[in-house]
All heavy atoms as atom14 arrays in JSON, in Angstrom:
{
  "sequence": "LESEKHVHAEKVNVFIDEVMKEAGLPLKELSAV",
  "atom14_mask": [
    [1, 1, 1, 1, 1, 1, 1, 1, 0, 0, 0, 0, 0, 0],
    [1, 1, 1, 1, 1, 1, 1, 1, 1, 0, 0, 0, 0, 0],
    [1, 1, 1, 1, 1, 1, 0, 0, 0, 0, 0, 0, 0, 0],
    [1, 1, 1, 1, 1, 1, 1, 1, 1, 0, 0, 0, 0, 0],
    [1, 1, 1, 1, 1, 1, 1, 1, 1, 0, 0, 0, 0, 0],
    [1, 1, 1, 1, 1, 1, 1, 1, 1, 1, 0, 0, 0, 0],
    [1, 1, 1, 1, 1, 1, 1, 0, 0, 0, 0, 0, 0, 0],
    [1, 1, 1, 1, 1, 1, 1, 1, 1, 1, 0, 0, 0, 0],
    [1, 1, 1, 1, 1, 0, 0, 0, 0, 0, 0, 0, 0, 0],
    [1, 1, 1, 1, 1, 1, 1, 1, 1, 0, 0, 0, 0, 0],
    [1, 1, 1, 1, 1, 1, 1, 1, 1, 0, 0, 0, 0, 0],
    [1, 1, 1, 1, 1, 1, 1, 0, 0, 0, 0, 0, 0, 0],
    [1, 1, 1, 1, 1, 1, 1, 1, 0, 0, 0, 0, 0, 0],
    [1, 1, 1, 1, 1, 1, 1, 0, 0, 0, 0, 0, 0, 0],
    [1, 1, 1, 1, 1, 1, 1, 1, 1, 1, 1, 0, 0, 0],
    [1, 1, 1, 1, 1, 1, 1, 1, 0, 0, 0, 0, 0, 0],
    [1, 1, 1, 1, 1, 1, 1, 1, 0, 0, 0, 0, 0, 0],
    [1, 1, 1, 1, 1, 1, 1, 1, 1, 0, 0, 0, 0, 0],
    [1, 1, 1, 1, 1, 1, 1, 0, 0, 0, 0, 0, 0, 0],
    [1, 1, 1, 1, 1, 1, 1, 1, 0, 0, 0, 0, 0, 0],
    [1, 1, 1, 1, 1, 1, 1, 1, 1, 0, 0, 0, 0, 0],
    [1, 1, 1, 1, 1, 1, 1, 1, 1, 0, 0, 0, 0, 0],
    [1, 1, 1, 1, 1, 0, 0, 0, 0, 0, 0, 0, 0, 0],
    [1, 1, 1, 1, 0, 0, 0, 0, 0, 0, 0, 0, 0, 0],
    [1, 1, 1, 1, 1, 1, 1, 1, 0, 0, 0, 0, 0, 0],
    [1, 1, 1, 1, 1, 1, 1, 0, 0, 0, 0, 0, 0, 0],
    [1, 1, 1, 1, 1, 1, 1, 1, 0, 0, 0, 0, 0, 0],
    [1, 1, 1, 1, 1, 1, 1, 1, 1, 0, 0, 0, 0, 0],
    [1, 1, 1, 1, 1, 1, 1, 1, 1, 0, 0, 0, 0, 0],
    [1, 1, 1, 1, 1, 1, 1, 1, 0, 0, 0, 0, 0, 0],
    [1, 1, 1, 1, 1, 1, 0, 0, 0, 0, 0, 0, 0, 0],
    [1, 1, 1, 1, 1, 0, 0, 0, 0, 0, 0, 0, 0, 0],
    [1, 1, 1, 1, 1, 1, 1, 0, 0, 0, 0, 0, 0, 0]
  ],
  "atom14_positions": [
    [[-7.1, 115.66, 9.24], [-8.26, 115.27, 8.45], [-8.37, 113.75, 8.48], [-7.47, 113.03, 8.06], [-8.11, 115.74, 7.0], [-9.27, 115.35, 6.07], [-10.58, 115.96, 6.55], [-8.98, 115.79, 4.64], [0.0, 0.0, 0.0], [0.0, 0.0, 0.0], [0.0, 0.0, 0.0], [0.0, 0.0, 0.0], [0.0, 0.0, 0.0], [0.0, 0.0, 0.0]],
    [[-9.5, 113.27, 9.02], [-9.77, 111.83, 9.05], [-10.83, 111.53, 8.01], [-11.89, 112.14, 7.99], [-10.26, 111.41, 10.44], [-10.41, 109.9, 10.59], [-10.72, 109.49, 12.02], [-11.22, 110.34, 12.78], [-10.48, 108.33, 12.37], [0.0, 0.0, 0.0], [0.0, 0.0, 0.0], [0.0, 0.0, 0.0], [0.0, 0.0, 0.0], [0.0, 0.0, 0.0]],
    [[-10.53, 110.56, 7.14], [-11.43, 110.26, 6.04], [-11.36, 108.79, 5.67], [-10.29, 108.18, 5.73], [-11.08, 111.12, 4.82], [-11.81, 110.71, 3.69], [0.0, 0.0, 0.0], [0.0, 0.0, 0.0], [0.0, 0.0, 0.0], [0.0, 0.0, 0.0], [0.0, 0.0, 0.0], [0.0, 0.0, 0.0], [0.0, 0.0, 0.0], [0.0, 0.0, 0.0]],
    [[-12.51, 108.24, 5.3], [-12.55, 106.86, 4.84], [-11.85, 106.7, 3.49], [-11.51, 105.6, 3.08], [-14.01, 106.4, 4.7], [-14.76, 106.32, 6.02], [-14.24, 105.22, 6.93], [-13.7, 104.23, 6.39], [-14.34, 105.36, 8.16], [0.0, 0.0, 0.0], [0.0, 0.0, 0.0], [0.0, 0.0, 0.0], [0.0, 0.0, 0.0], [0.0, 0.0, 0.0]],
    [[-11.63, 107.81, 2.8], [-11.04, 107.76, 1.46], [-9.51, 107.71, 1.47], [-8.89, 107.67, 0.42], [-11.51, 108.97, 0.65], [-13.01, 108.99, 0.41], [-13.41, 110.22, -0.41], [-14.9, 110.25, -0.66], [-15.31, 111.45, -1.45], [0.0, 0.0, 0.0], [0.0, 0.0, 0.0], [0.0, 0.0, 0.0], [0.0, 0.0, 0.0], [0.0, 0.0, 0.0]],
    [[-8.89, 107.78, 2.66], [-7.43, 107.75, 2.76], [-6.81, 108.84, 1.88], [-6.26, 108.56, 0.81], [-6.88, 106.38, 2.39], [-7.24, 105.3, 3.38], [-6.52, 105.1, 4.54], [-8.25, 104.41, 3.4], [-7.08, 104.11, 5.22], [-8.14, 103.68, 4.55], [0.0, 0.0, 0.0], [0.0, 0.0, 0.0], [0.0, 0.0, 0.0], [0.0, 0.0, 0.0]],
    [[-6.9, 110.07, 2.35], [-6.47, 111.23, 1.57], [-5.0, 111.61, 1.79], [-4.57, 112.69, 1.41], [-7.36, 112.45, 1.91], [-8.8, 112.19, 1.53], [-7.26, 112.79, 3.4], [0.0, 0.0, 0.0], [0.0, 0.0, 0.0], [0.0, 0.0, 0.0], [0.0, 0.0, 0.0], [0.0, 0.0, 0.0], [0.0, 0.0, 0.0], [0.0, 0.0, 0.0]],
    [[-4.22, 110.71, 2.36], [-2.85, 111.04, 2.72], [-2.02, 111.54, 1.55], [-1.32, 112.55, 1.66], [-2.17, 109.81, 3.34], [-2.92, 109.23, 4.49], [-4.07, 108.49, 4.34], [-2.71, 109.29, 5.83], [-4.52, 108.11, 5.51], [-3.7, 108.59, 6.44], [0.0, 0.0, 0.0], [0.0, 0.0, 0.0], [0.0, 0.0, 0.0], [0.0, 0.0, 0.0]],
    [[-2.08, 110.83, 0.43], [-1.28, 111.23, -0.73], [-1.67, 112.61, -1.22], [-0.83, 113.38, -1.69], [-1.43, 110.2, -1.85], [0.0, 0.0, 0.0], [0.0, 0.0, 0.0], [0.0, 0.0, 0.0], [0.0, 0.0, 0.0], [0.0, 0.0, 0.0], [0.0, 0.0, 0.0], [0.0, 0.0, 0.0], [0.0, 0.0, 0.0], [0.0, 0.0, 0.0]],
    [[-2.94, 112.92, -1.12], [-3.46, 114.2, -1.6], [-3.17, 115.33, -0.63], [-2.92, 116.47, -1.05], [-4.97, 114.08, -1.8], [-5.67, 115.37, -2.18], [-7.18, 115.21, -2.22], [-7.67, 114.06, -2.17], [-7.88, 116.24, -2.28], [0.0, 0.0, 0.0], [0.0, 0.0, 0.0], [0.0, 0.0, 0.0], [0.0, 0.0, 0.0], [0.0, 0.0, 0.0]],
    [[-3.18, 115.05, 0.67], [-3.19, 116.12, 1.67], [-1.89, 116.35, 2.43], [-1.66, 117.45, 2.93], [-4.3, 115.86, 2.69], [-5.71, 115.98, 2.12], [-6.02, 117.41, 1.69], [-7.47, 117.57, 1.25], [-7.77, 118.95, 0.81], [0.0, 0.0, 0.0], [0.0, 0.0, 0.0], [0.0, 0.0, 0.0], [0.0, 0.0, 0.0], [0.0, 0.0, 0.0]],
    [[-1.03, 115.33, 2.57], [0.09, 115.5, 3.49], [1.01, 116.65, 3.11], [1.39, 117.47, 3.96], [0.89, 114.18, 3.65], [1.61, 113.78, 2.37], [1.86, 114.28, 4.81], [0.0, 0.0, 0.0], [0.0, 0.0, 0.0], [0.0, 0.0, 0.0], [0.0, 0.0, 0.0], [0.0, 0.0, 0.0], [0.0, 0.0, 0.0], [0.0, 0.0, 0.0]],
    [[1.35, 116.78, 1.83], [2.22, 117.89, 1.43], [1.51, 119.24, 1.47], [2.13, 120.27, 1.76], [2.78, 117.63, 0.03], [3.83, 116.53, 0.03], [4.78, 116.55, 0.81], [3.65, 115.54, -0.83], [0.0, 0.0, 0.0], [0.0, 0.0, 0.0], [0.0, 0.0, 0.0], [0.0, 0.0, 0.0], [0.0, 0.0, 0.0], [0.0, 0.0, 0.0]],
    [[0.19, 119.22, 1.22], [-0.6, 120.45, 1.36], [-0.58, 120.91, 2.81], [-0.41, 122.1, 3.11], [-2.05, 120.2, 0.9], [-2.92, 121.43, 1.19], [-2.09, 119.88, -0.59], [0.0, 0.0, 0.0], [0.0, 0.0, 0.0], [0.0, 0.0, 0.0], [0.0, 0.0, 0.0], [0.0, 0.0, 0.0], [0.0, 0.0, 0.0], [0.0, 0.0, 0.0]],
    [[-0.76, 119.96, 3.74], [-0.77, 120.3, 5.16], [0.59, 120.82, 5.61], [0.68, 121.73, 6.44], [-1.17, 119.09, 5.99], [-2.64, 118.75, 5.92], [-3.12, 117.6, 6.52], [-3.54, 119.57, 5.27], [-4.47, 117.27, 6.47], [-4.89, 119.28, 5.2], [-5.36, 118.12, 5.81], [0.0, 0.0, 0.0], [0.0, 0.0, 0.0], [0.0, 0.0, 0.0]],
    [[1.66, 120.21, 5.1], [3.0, 120.69, 5.46], [3.17, 122.15, 5.03], [3.65, 122.98, 5.8], [4.07, 119.8, 4.78], [4.08, 118.41, 5.41], [5.47, 120.45, 4.91], [4.93, 117.4, 4.66], [0.0, 0.0, 0.0], [0.0, 0.0, 0.0], [0.0, 0.0, 0.0], [0.0, 0.0, 0.0], [0.0, 0.0, 0.0], [0.0, 0.0, 0.0]],
    [[2.76, 122.45, 3.83], [2.85, 123.82, 3.33], [2.0, 124.77, 4.18], [2.44, 125.88, 4.52], [2.39, 123.86, 1.88], [2.52, 125.24, 1.26], [3.63, 125.8, 1.23], [1.49, 125.78, 0.8], [0.0, 0.0, 0.0], [0.0, 0.0, 0.0], [0.0, 0.0, 0.0], [0.0, 0.0, 0.0], [0.0, 0.0, 0.0], [0.0, 0.0, 0.0]],
    [[0.8, 124.32, 4.56], [-0.1, 125.19, 5.32], [0.42, 125.49, 6.72], [0.31, 126.63, 7.2], [-1.48, 124.55, 5.39], [-2.23, 124.57, 4.07], [-3.61, 123.95, 4.15], [-3.95, 123.37, 5.22], [-4.36, 124.03, 3.17], [0.0, 0.0, 0.0], [0.0, 0.0, 0.0], [0.0, 0.0, 0.0], [0.0, 0.0, 0.0], [0.0, 0.0, 0.0]],
    [[0.97, 124.49, 7.42], [1.44, 124.76, 8.79], [2.67, 125.66, 8.77], [2.85, 126.5, 9.66], [1.72, 123.46, 9.57], [0.44, 122.64, 9.75], [2.83, 122.62, 8.97], [0.0, 0.0, 0.0], [0.0, 0.0, 0.0], [0.0, 0.0, 0.0], [0.0, 0.0, 0.0], [0.0, 0.0, 0.0], [0.0, 0.0, 0.0], [0.0, 0.0, 0.0]],
    [[3.51, 125.5, 7.76], [4.69, 126.37, 7.66], [4.26, 127.81, 7.39], [4.78, 128.76, 7.99], [5.62, 125.87, 6.56], [6.21, 124.49, 6.77], [7.08, 124.23, 8.34], [8.39, 125.45, 8.24], [0.0, 0.0, 0.0], [0.0, 0.0, 0.0], [0.0, 0.0, 0.0], [0.0, 0.0, 0.0], [0.0, 0.0, 0.0], [0.0, 0.0, 0.0]],
    [[3.28, 127.99, 6.49], [2.81, 129.33, 6.18], [2.08, 129.96, 7.36], [2.22, 131.16, 7.61], [1.88, 129.28, 4.96], [2.63, 129.06, 3.64], [1.68, 129.03, 2.46], [2.44, 128.88, 1.15], [1.51, 128.79, -0.03], [0.0, 0.0, 0.0], [0.0, 0.0, 0.0], [0.0, 0.0, 0.0], [0.0, 0.0, 0.0], [0.0, 0.0, 0.0]],
    [[1.29, 129.15, 8.08], [0.59, 129.69, 9.25], [1.57, 130.19, 10.3], [1.34, 131.22, 10.95], [-0.32, 128.62, 9.86], [-1.11, 129.12, 11.06], [-2.07, 128.08, 11.62], [-2.59, 127.26, 10.83], [-2.3, 128.09, 12.83], [0.0, 0.0, 0.0], [0.0, 0.0, 0.0], [0.0, 0.0, 0.0], [0.0, 0.0, 0.0], [0.0, 0.0, 0.0]],
    [[2.67, 129.46, 10.46], [3.68, 129.87, 11.44], [4.59, 130.97, 10.9], [5.37, 131.57, 11.65], [4.52, 128.67, 11.86], [0.0, 0.0, 0.0], [0.0, 0.0, 0.0], [0.0, 0.0, 0.0], [0.0, 0.0, 0.0], [0.0, 0.0, 0.0], [0.0, 0.0, 0.0], [0.0, 0.0, 0.0], [0.0, 0.0, 0.0], [0.0, 0.0, 0.0]],
    [[4.5, 131.23, 9.6], [5.33, 132.26, 8.99], [6.79, 131.88, 8.92], [7.68, 132.73, 9.05], [0.0, 0.0, 0.0], [0.0, 0.0, 0.0], [0.0, 0.0, 0.0], [0.0, 0.0, 0.0], [0.0, 0.0, 0.0], [0.0, 0.0, 0.0], [0.0, 0.0, 0.0], [0.0, 0.0, 0.0], [0.0, 0.0, 0.0], [0.0, 0.0, 0.0]],
    [[7.06, 130.58, 8.71], [8.43, 130.09, 8.72], [8.72, 129.28, 7.45], [7.86, 128.55, 6.97], [8.66, 129.2, 9.95], [8.55, 129.91, 11.31], [8.46, 128.88, 12.42], [9.76, 130.82, 11.52], [0.0, 0.0, 0.0], [0.0, 0.0, 0.0], [0.0, 0.0, 0.0], [0.0, 0.0, 0.0], [0.0, 0.0, 0.0], [0.0, 0.0, 0.0]],
    [[9.93, 129.37, 6.93], [10.31, 128.58, 5.74], [10.79, 127.2, 6.15], [11.23, 126.98, 7.29], [11.45, 129.4, 5.13], [12.1, 130.04, 6.32], [10.99, 130.33, 7.3], [0.0, 0.0, 0.0], [0.0, 0.0, 0.0], [0.0, 0.0, 0.0], [0.0, 0.0, 0.0], [0.0, 0.0, 0.0], [0.0, 0.0, 0.0], [0.0, 0.0, 0.0]],
    [[10.73, 126.26, 5.22], [11.18, 124.9, 5.5], [12.65, 124.85, 5.93], [13.04, 123.99, 6.73], [10.98, 124.01, 4.27], [9.53, 123.61, 3.94], [9.48, 122.96, 2.57], [8.97, 122.68, 5.0], [0.0, 0.0, 0.0], [0.0, 0.0, 0.0], [0.0, 0.0, 0.0], [0.0, 0.0, 0.0], [0.0, 0.0, 0.0], [0.0, 0.0, 0.0]],
    [[13.44, 125.76, 5.42], [14.87, 125.74, 5.73], [15.16, 125.98, 7.21], [16.28, 125.73, 7.68], [15.63, 126.75, 4.87], [15.27, 128.2, 5.16], [16.04, 129.14, 4.24], [15.72, 130.61, 4.53], [16.47, 131.52, 3.65], [0.0, 0.0, 0.0], [0.0, 0.0, 0.0], [0.0, 0.0, 0.0], [0.0, 0.0, 0.0], [0.0, 0.0, 0.0]],
    [[14.15, 126.47, 7.96], [14.33, 126.7, 9.39], [14.14, 125.43, 10.22], [14.41, 125.42, 11.42], [13.35, 127.76, 9.88], [13.58, 129.15, 9.3], [14.89, 129.74, 9.75], [15.27, 129.52, 10.92], [15.54, 130.42, 8.93], [0.0, 0.0, 0.0], [0.0, 0.0, 0.0], [0.0, 0.0, 0.0], [0.0, 0.0, 0.0], [0.0, 0.0, 0.0]],
    [[13.64, 124.36, 9.61], [13.38, 123.13, 10.36], [14.66, 122.54, 10.93], [15.71, 122.51, 10.29], [12.71, 122.09, 9.45], [11.27, 122.36, 9.03], [10.8, 121.29, 8.05], [10.34, 122.4, 10.25], [0.0, 0.0, 0.0], [0.0, 0.0, 0.0], [0.0, 0.0, 0.0], [0.0, 0.0, 0.0], [0.0, 0.0, 0.0], [0.0, 0.0, 0.0]],
    [[14.53, 122.02, 12.17], [15.65, 121.36, 12.83], [15.62, 119.86, 12.6], [16.67, 119.2, 12.61], [15.61, 121.63, 14.34], [15.53, 123.0, 14.62], [0.0, 0.0, 0.0], [0.0, 0.0, 0.0], [0.0, 0.0, 0.0], [0.0, 0.0, 0.0], [0.0, 0.0, 0.0], [0.0, 0.0, 0.0], [0.0, 0.0, 0.0], [0.0, 0.0, 0.0]],
    [[14.41, 119.3, 12.45], [14.23, 117.86, 12.27], [12.81, 117.59, 11.81], [11.95, 118.48, 11.88], [14.53, 117.11, 13.57], [0.0, 0.0, 0.0], [0.0, 0.0, 0.0], [0.0, 0.0, 0.0], [0.0, 0.0, 0.0], [0.0, 0.0, 0.0], [0.0, 0.0, 0.0], [0.0, 0.0, 0.0], [0.0, 0.0, 0.0], [0.0, 0.0, 0.0]],
    [[12.57, 116.37, 11.35], [11.22, 115.92, 11.04], [10.94, 114.65, 11.84], [11.75, 113.71, 11.83], [11.05, 115.62, 9.53], [9.63, 115.1, 9.26], [11.31, 116.88, 8.71], [0.0, 0.0, 0.0], [0.0, 0.0, 0.0], [0.0, 0.0, 0.0], [0.0, 0.0, 0.0], [0.0, 0.0, 0.0], [0.0, 0.0, 0.0], [0.0, 0.0, 0.0]]
  ]
}
C-alpha cells in the first residue's frame, strides 16, 4: 500500500498478520525476518 499519509504504523502489523493467514502458517514457523 502506497499512500501520501504514511500508513506504516497503522498497516505493517496488519499486513504481517494477513500474509501469514493467507499462507496458512503461524509466526512460529518463520526462519528469519
